[in-house]
Protein backbone atom coordinates (compact mmCIF):
# COMPACT_ATOMS: atom_id res chain seq x y z
CA MET A 1 159.35 -87.26 -4.87
CA GLY A 2 157.54 -86.59 -1.01
CA SER A 3 159.42 -86.50 1.31
CA ARG A 4 159.86 -89.12 4.00
CA ARG A 5 157.94 -88.26 7.57
CA GLY A 6 159.23 -90.03 11.03
CA LYS A 7 156.96 -92.48 12.69
CA MET A 8 154.77 -91.03 14.93
CA ASP A 9 155.07 -92.35 18.66
CA GLN A 10 152.20 -93.89 20.06
CA LYS A 11 151.03 -91.09 22.52
CA ASN A 12 150.57 -88.42 19.53
CA ARG A 13 148.86 -90.92 16.65
CA ALA A 14 146.36 -92.10 19.90
CA LYS A 15 145.51 -88.54 19.88
CA GLN A 16 144.71 -88.07 16.05
CA PHE A 17 141.48 -90.51 17.11
CA MET A 18 140.35 -88.86 20.61
CA PRO A 19 136.97 -86.57 20.51
CA PHE A 20 136.36 -83.77 19.52
CA ASP A 21 134.86 -81.11 21.74
CA ALA A 22 133.25 -79.06 19.72
CA LEU A 23 131.41 -76.84 22.86
CA LYS A 24 134.41 -76.42 25.00
CA GLY A 25 133.10 -75.81 28.71
CA PHE A 26 130.02 -77.33 27.84
CA ARG A 27 130.51 -80.92 29.85
CA GLU A 28 131.66 -78.51 32.71
CA ALA A 29 128.08 -76.60 32.85
CA MET A 30 125.76 -79.58 32.62
CA ALA A 31 128.09 -80.77 35.68
CA GLU A 32 127.56 -77.65 37.49
CA LYS A 33 124.12 -77.56 36.25
CA GLU A 34 123.37 -81.38 37.74
CA ARG A 35 125.05 -80.43 41.24
CA LEU A 36 122.76 -80.36 43.81
CA ILE A 37 121.37 -77.09 45.18
CA VAL A 38 120.82 -76.67 48.66
CA SER A 39 119.67 -73.66 51.30
CA ARG A 40 121.75 -72.54 53.91
CA ARG A 41 120.36 -74.88 57.93
CA ASP A 42 119.38 -73.03 60.32
CA LEU A 43 120.95 -73.74 63.41
CA SER A 44 119.16 -74.37 66.68
CA GLU A 45 120.60 -72.32 69.23
CA GLU A 46 121.78 -75.04 71.64
CA ARG A 47 123.43 -76.57 68.21
CA GLN A 48 125.18 -73.53 67.73
CA GLU A 49 126.33 -72.89 71.35
CA GLU A 50 127.81 -77.11 71.26
CA LEU A 51 129.70 -76.17 67.96
CA ASP A 52 130.74 -72.61 69.44
CA GLY A 53 132.34 -74.57 72.25
CA GLN A 54 134.13 -76.92 70.03
CA LEU A 55 135.72 -74.15 68.28
CA ARG A 56 136.92 -72.79 71.29
CA GLN A 57 138.59 -76.47 72.26
CA VAL A 58 140.58 -76.15 69.01
CA GLN A 59 143.34 -76.07 68.26
CA LYS A 60 146.37 -75.01 65.80
CA GLY A 61 147.48 -78.61 64.81
CA ASP A 62 144.10 -80.09 65.59
CA ARG A 63 143.11 -82.98 62.51
CA ILE A 64 139.60 -82.33 62.15
CA THR A 65 136.64 -82.76 59.72
CA ALA A 66 134.42 -79.88 59.38
CA GLU A 67 131.00 -79.91 57.46
CA TYR A 68 130.33 -76.46 56.15
CA PHE A 69 128.25 -74.41 53.65
CA LYS A 70 129.24 -73.48 50.77
CA GLU A 71 128.56 -71.74 47.15
CA ARG A 72 125.19 -73.35 48.15
CA GLU A 73 125.97 -76.89 48.44
CA TYR A 74 127.89 -78.15 52.40
CA VAL A 75 130.90 -79.70 51.77
CA LYS A 76 132.91 -81.73 54.12
CA LYS A 77 136.76 -80.42 54.54
CA GLU A 78 138.99 -82.67 56.68
CA GLY A 79 142.54 -82.05 57.35
CA LYS A 80 145.51 -79.85 59.66
CA VAL A 81 144.17 -77.23 61.46
CA THR A 82 146.79 -74.51 59.92
CA ARG A 83 145.27 -71.09 62.02
CA ILE A 84 142.48 -70.47 64.16
CA ASP A 85 140.76 -67.06 64.33
CA HIS A 86 138.30 -66.60 67.45
CA ALA A 87 138.31 -62.88 67.42
CA GLY A 88 137.84 -62.48 63.46
CA ARG A 89 135.62 -66.02 64.19
CA ILE A 90 137.85 -67.69 61.15
CA LEU A 91 138.72 -71.67 61.09
CA GLU A 92 141.55 -72.24 58.65
CA ILE A 93 142.21 -76.28 57.72
CA ASP A 94 145.03 -76.64 55.26
CA GLU A 95 145.20 -73.13 54.30
CA ILE A 96 141.31 -73.45 53.86
CA LYS A 97 139.17 -70.55 55.88
CA ILE A 98 136.13 -71.41 56.76
CA ALA A 99 133.70 -68.57 58.68
CA PHE A 100 132.31 -69.77 61.93
CA SER A 101 129.19 -68.98 60.84
CA ASP A 102 129.33 -71.50 58.11
CA ILE A 103 130.09 -74.48 60.14
CA SER A 104 127.50 -76.78 60.27
CA ASP A 105 129.32 -79.88 61.88
CA LEU A 106 132.45 -80.31 63.40
CA LYS A 107 134.64 -84.08 64.12
CA CYS A 108 138.28 -83.77 65.73
CA ASP A 109 141.03 -86.35 66.49
CA LEU A 110 141.07 -85.30 69.44
CA LEU A 111 139.84 -87.50 72.30
CA GLN A 112 139.23 -89.93 69.53
CA GLY A 113 136.53 -87.62 67.70
CA ARG A 114 134.85 -86.14 70.66
CA PHE A 115 135.00 -82.61 71.96
CA TYR A 116 134.50 -81.86 75.53
CA VAL A 117 131.08 -79.65 75.87
CA ALA A 118 128.66 -77.87 78.85
CA GLY A 119 130.30 -80.94 81.26
CA VAL A 120 129.75 -84.64 78.40
CA PHE A 121 131.55 -85.48 75.93
CA HIS A 122 130.55 -85.30 72.05
């Protein structure tokens, strides 16, 4: 006599029909390969001075968007400044540490997204 099995719930039943991923991690590796790789931009001396001026105005608690170079691409991080270390030249946004030298652009909610640099609002 055969044993009688209980009914399988729909969630587990659906798993039976999911495609099998024989090459675990292959899709992720292909996505990484397709990612656009860029070189670090050389900022002009004027632009670097402008960014330095903006960084001097940033304070803990400010909402900010920083574009920075990370692992062969430029990414944007928007959030609250949790720490700014002028001596160590590190900006921390929502616990993500960003070296000043990696930053290519800054936007701040302070002054409606504009900074005051060299007598001019940017």
